[in-house]
N, C-alpha and C. Protein backbone atom coordinates (compact mmCIF):
# COMPACT_ATOMS: atom_id res chain seq x y z
N MET A 1 73.48 102.38 70.03
CA MET A 1 73.10 101.37 69.08
C MET A 1 71.98 101.91 68.18
N ARG A 2 72.15 101.78 66.91
CA ARG A 2 71.15 102.26 65.97
C ARG A 2 70.05 101.22 65.79
N PRO A 3 68.80 101.68 65.73
CA PRO A 3 67.69 100.73 65.53
C PRO A 3 67.65 100.24 64.09
N SER A 4 67.05 99.08 63.90
CA SER A 4 66.91 98.54 62.55
C SER A 4 65.79 99.27 61.80
N HIS A 5 65.75 99.01 60.51
CA HIS A 5 64.73 99.66 59.68
C HIS A 5 63.32 99.24 60.10
N LEU A 6 63.18 98.00 60.50
CA LEU A 6 61.87 97.51 60.91
C LEU A 6 61.40 98.19 62.19
N GLU A 7 62.32 98.51 63.09
CA GLU A 7 61.96 99.20 64.33
C GLU A 7 61.58 100.65 64.08
N LEU A 8 62.09 101.22 62.99
CA LEU A 8 61.78 102.62 62.66
C LEU A 8 60.48 102.77 61.88
N LEU A 9 59.96 101.68 61.35
CA LEU A 9 58.76 101.73 60.51
C LEU A 9 57.55 102.38 61.20
N PRO A 10 57.22 102.03 62.45
CA PRO A 10 56.07 102.69 63.08
C PRO A 10 56.26 104.20 63.23
N GLU A 11 57.47 104.63 63.54
CA GLU A 11 57.71 106.07 63.66
C GLU A 11 57.61 106.76 62.30
N LEU A 12 58.10 106.09 61.26
CA LEU A 12 57.98 106.66 59.91
C LEU A 12 56.52 106.77 59.48
N LEU A 13 55.74 105.77 59.78
CA LEU A 13 54.31 105.82 59.44
C LEU A 13 53.60 106.93 60.21
N GLU A 14 53.99 107.11 61.47
CA GLU A 14 53.41 108.19 62.27
C GLU A 14 53.75 109.55 61.66
N LEU A 15 55.01 109.73 61.26
CA LEU A 15 55.42 110.98 60.62
C LEU A 15 54.66 111.19 59.31
N LEU A 16 54.49 110.12 58.55
CA LEU A 16 53.77 110.22 57.29
C LEU A 16 52.32 110.65 57.50
N VAL A 17 51.67 110.06 58.50
CA VAL A 17 50.27 110.38 58.77
C VAL A 17 50.12 111.84 59.20
N PHE A 18 50.95 112.28 60.13
CA PHE A 18 50.82 113.66 60.60
C PHE A 18 51.26 114.67 59.54
N GLY A 19 52.29 114.35 58.77
CA GLY A 19 52.71 115.24 57.70
C GLY A 19 51.67 115.37 56.61
N LEU A 20 51.16 114.21 56.18
CA LEU A 20 50.12 114.23 55.14
C LEU A 20 48.84 114.88 55.64
N GLY A 21 48.50 114.65 56.89
CA GLY A 21 47.31 115.28 57.47
C GLY A 21 47.42 116.80 57.48
N SER A 22 48.58 117.32 57.83
CA SER A 22 48.74 118.77 57.85
C SER A 22 48.71 119.36 56.45
N VAL A 23 49.26 118.63 55.48
CA VAL A 23 49.22 119.11 54.10
C VAL A 23 47.78 119.12 53.58
N LEU A 24 47.04 118.06 53.88
CA LEU A 24 45.64 117.99 53.44
C LEU A 24 44.78 119.06 54.11
N LEU A 25 45.02 119.32 55.39
CA LEU A 25 44.28 120.38 56.08
C LEU A 25 44.61 121.75 55.48
N SER A 26 45.87 121.98 55.13
CA SER A 26 46.25 123.25 54.50
C SER A 26 45.59 123.39 53.13
N ALA A 27 45.59 122.30 52.35
CA ALA A 27 44.94 122.36 51.03
C ALA A 27 43.44 122.60 51.17
N ALA A 28 42.83 121.97 52.17
CA ALA A 28 41.40 122.20 52.41
C ALA A 28 41.17 123.66 52.80
N GLY A 29 42.07 124.22 53.61
CA GLY A 29 41.95 125.62 54.00
C GLY A 29 42.01 126.56 52.80
N VAL A 30 42.91 126.27 51.88
CA VAL A 30 43.02 127.10 50.67
C VAL A 30 41.74 127.01 49.85
N TYR A 31 41.23 125.79 49.66
CA TYR A 31 40.00 125.61 48.90
C TYR A 31 38.82 126.31 49.58
N ILE A 32 38.71 126.18 50.89
CA ILE A 32 37.60 126.80 51.62
C ILE A 32 37.70 128.32 51.56
N GLU A 33 38.91 128.85 51.69
CA GLU A 33 39.07 130.31 51.61
C GLU A 33 38.71 130.83 50.22
N ARG A 34 39.07 130.09 49.20
CA ARG A 34 38.69 130.49 47.83
C ARG A 34 37.17 130.48 47.68
N PHE A 35 36.55 129.45 48.22
CA PHE A 35 35.09 129.37 48.16
C PHE A 35 34.46 130.54 48.93
N ALA A 36 35.05 130.90 50.06
CA ALA A 36 34.54 132.03 50.84
C ALA A 36 34.63 133.34 50.05
N LEU A 37 35.76 133.53 49.38
CA LEU A 37 35.93 134.74 48.57
C LEU A 37 34.91 134.79 47.44
N LEU A 38 34.69 133.67 46.78
CA LEU A 38 33.70 133.64 45.71
C LEU A 38 32.29 133.87 46.24
N THR A 39 32.02 133.38 47.44
CA THR A 39 30.70 133.59 48.05
C THR A 39 30.48 135.06 48.37
N VAL A 40 31.51 135.71 48.90
CA VAL A 40 31.39 137.15 49.20
C VAL A 40 31.23 137.94 47.91
N GLU A 41 32.01 137.58 46.90
CA GLU A 41 31.89 138.27 45.61
C GLU A 41 30.50 138.07 45.00
N GLY A 42 29.86 136.96 45.31
CA GLY A 42 28.51 136.69 44.82
C GLY A 42 27.43 137.43 45.58
N GLY A 43 27.81 138.15 46.64
CA GLY A 43 26.86 138.98 47.36
C GLY A 43 26.34 138.39 48.66
N GLN A 44 26.82 137.24 49.06
CA GLN A 44 26.37 136.63 50.31
C GLN A 44 27.45 136.82 51.38
N LEU A 45 27.44 137.99 52.00
CA LEU A 45 28.49 138.38 52.93
C LEU A 45 28.51 137.51 54.18
N ALA A 46 27.34 137.27 54.78
CA ALA A 46 27.29 136.50 56.02
C ALA A 46 27.78 135.07 55.81
N LEU A 47 27.31 134.44 54.75
CA LEU A 47 27.74 133.08 54.45
C LEU A 47 29.23 133.05 54.13
N GLY A 48 29.70 134.02 53.38
CA GLY A 48 31.13 134.08 53.04
C GLY A 48 31.99 134.26 54.27
N ALA A 49 31.54 135.07 55.21
CA ALA A 49 32.30 135.26 56.46
C ALA A 49 32.34 133.97 57.27
N TRP A 50 31.23 133.26 57.32
CA TRP A 50 31.19 132.00 58.07
C TRP A 50 32.12 130.96 57.42
N VAL A 51 32.08 130.88 56.11
CA VAL A 51 32.94 129.93 55.39
C VAL A 51 34.41 130.32 55.57
N ALA A 52 34.70 131.62 55.57
CA ALA A 52 36.08 132.07 55.79
C ALA A 52 36.56 131.66 57.18
N LEU A 53 35.70 131.73 58.15
CA LEU A 53 36.06 131.30 59.50
C LEU A 53 36.38 129.80 59.51
N MET A 54 35.63 129.01 58.76
CA MET A 54 35.92 127.58 58.67
C MET A 54 37.27 127.33 58.00
N GLY A 55 37.61 128.14 57.00
CA GLY A 55 38.92 128.03 56.35
C GLY A 55 40.06 128.36 57.30
N VAL A 56 39.84 129.39 58.11
CA VAL A 56 40.85 129.76 59.11
C VAL A 56 41.02 128.63 60.12
N MET A 57 39.93 128.00 60.49
CA MET A 57 40.02 126.87 61.43
C MET A 57 40.79 125.70 60.82
N ALA A 58 40.63 125.46 59.52
CA ALA A 58 41.39 124.39 58.86
C ALA A 58 42.88 124.71 58.89
N PHE A 59 43.23 125.98 58.63
CA PHE A 59 44.63 126.39 58.72
C PHE A 59 45.16 126.24 60.15
N TYR A 60 44.35 126.60 61.12
CA TYR A 60 44.75 126.51 62.52
C TYR A 60 45.02 125.05 62.93
N PHE A 61 44.13 124.15 62.52
CA PHE A 61 44.34 122.74 62.85
C PHE A 61 45.57 122.18 62.12
N ALA A 62 45.83 122.65 60.90
CA ALA A 62 47.05 122.23 60.21
C ALA A 62 48.29 122.71 60.95
N TYR A 63 48.25 123.95 61.43
CA TYR A 63 49.36 124.50 62.20
C TYR A 63 49.57 123.72 63.50
N LEU A 64 48.48 123.41 64.19
CA LEU A 64 48.59 122.64 65.43
C LEU A 64 49.14 121.24 65.16
N THR A 65 48.72 120.63 64.09
CA THR A 65 49.22 119.30 63.76
C THR A 65 50.72 119.32 63.54
N VAL A 66 51.21 120.34 62.85
CA VAL A 66 52.65 120.44 62.60
C VAL A 66 53.41 120.74 63.88
N THR A 67 52.95 121.72 64.64
CA THR A 67 53.73 122.15 65.80
C THR A 67 53.60 121.21 66.99
N GLU A 68 52.45 120.60 67.18
CA GLU A 68 52.24 119.77 68.36
C GLU A 68 52.48 118.28 68.11
N LYS A 69 52.31 117.81 66.91
CA LYS A 69 52.42 116.38 66.62
C LYS A 69 53.63 116.05 65.75
N PHE A 70 53.73 116.72 64.59
CA PHE A 70 54.77 116.35 63.63
C PHE A 70 56.17 116.73 64.08
N ARG A 71 56.36 117.99 64.45
CA ARG A 71 57.71 118.47 64.77
C ARG A 71 58.37 117.73 65.92
N PRO A 72 57.70 117.53 67.08
CA PRO A 72 58.37 116.79 68.16
C PRO A 72 58.71 115.35 67.76
N ARG A 73 57.84 114.70 67.02
CA ARG A 73 58.11 113.33 66.59
C ARG A 73 59.24 113.29 65.57
N PHE A 74 59.30 114.29 64.70
CA PHE A 74 60.37 114.36 63.72
C PHE A 74 61.72 114.57 64.41
N VAL A 75 61.78 115.46 65.38
CA VAL A 75 63.02 115.69 66.12
C VAL A 75 63.44 114.42 66.84
N ARG A 76 62.48 113.73 67.48
CA ARG A 76 62.80 112.49 68.18
C ARG A 76 63.28 111.42 67.20
N PHE A 77 62.67 111.36 66.01
CA PHE A 77 63.07 110.39 65.00
C PHE A 77 64.50 110.67 64.52
N VAL A 78 64.81 111.93 64.26
CA VAL A 78 66.15 112.29 63.79
C VAL A 78 67.18 111.95 64.87
N ARG A 79 66.88 112.23 66.11
CA ARG A 79 67.81 111.88 67.18
C ARG A 79 67.98 110.37 67.32
N THR A 80 66.91 109.62 67.07
CA THR A 80 67.00 108.16 67.13
C THR A 80 67.88 107.62 66.01
N VAL A 81 67.72 108.18 64.83
CA VAL A 81 68.47 107.69 63.67
C VAL A 81 69.94 108.09 63.76
N THR A 82 70.22 109.33 64.13
CA THR A 82 71.59 109.81 64.15
C THR A 82 72.35 109.41 65.40
N GLY A 83 71.63 109.06 66.45
CA GLY A 83 72.28 108.68 67.70
C GLY A 83 72.53 109.88 68.59
N PRO A 84 72.98 109.60 69.81
CA PRO A 84 73.20 110.73 70.76
C PRO A 84 74.39 111.57 70.42
């Protein structure tokens, strides 16, 4: 039996939150890495390295969000919609 659209709404919202969160974390990582590069080019190597590490952490959290939260829920959602 296929669920109604109203029953799927919470799962869709969950997918939206995790998908949008991973995109925002990736965009933040790109911005932070650019800032790190500009800081190093400006002659502040230690600060640039620290900022680059923060950018890598943003990318890592985006990756974890996709692999640990979004993908399993997306697979479960597709199986729910398409049926067994």
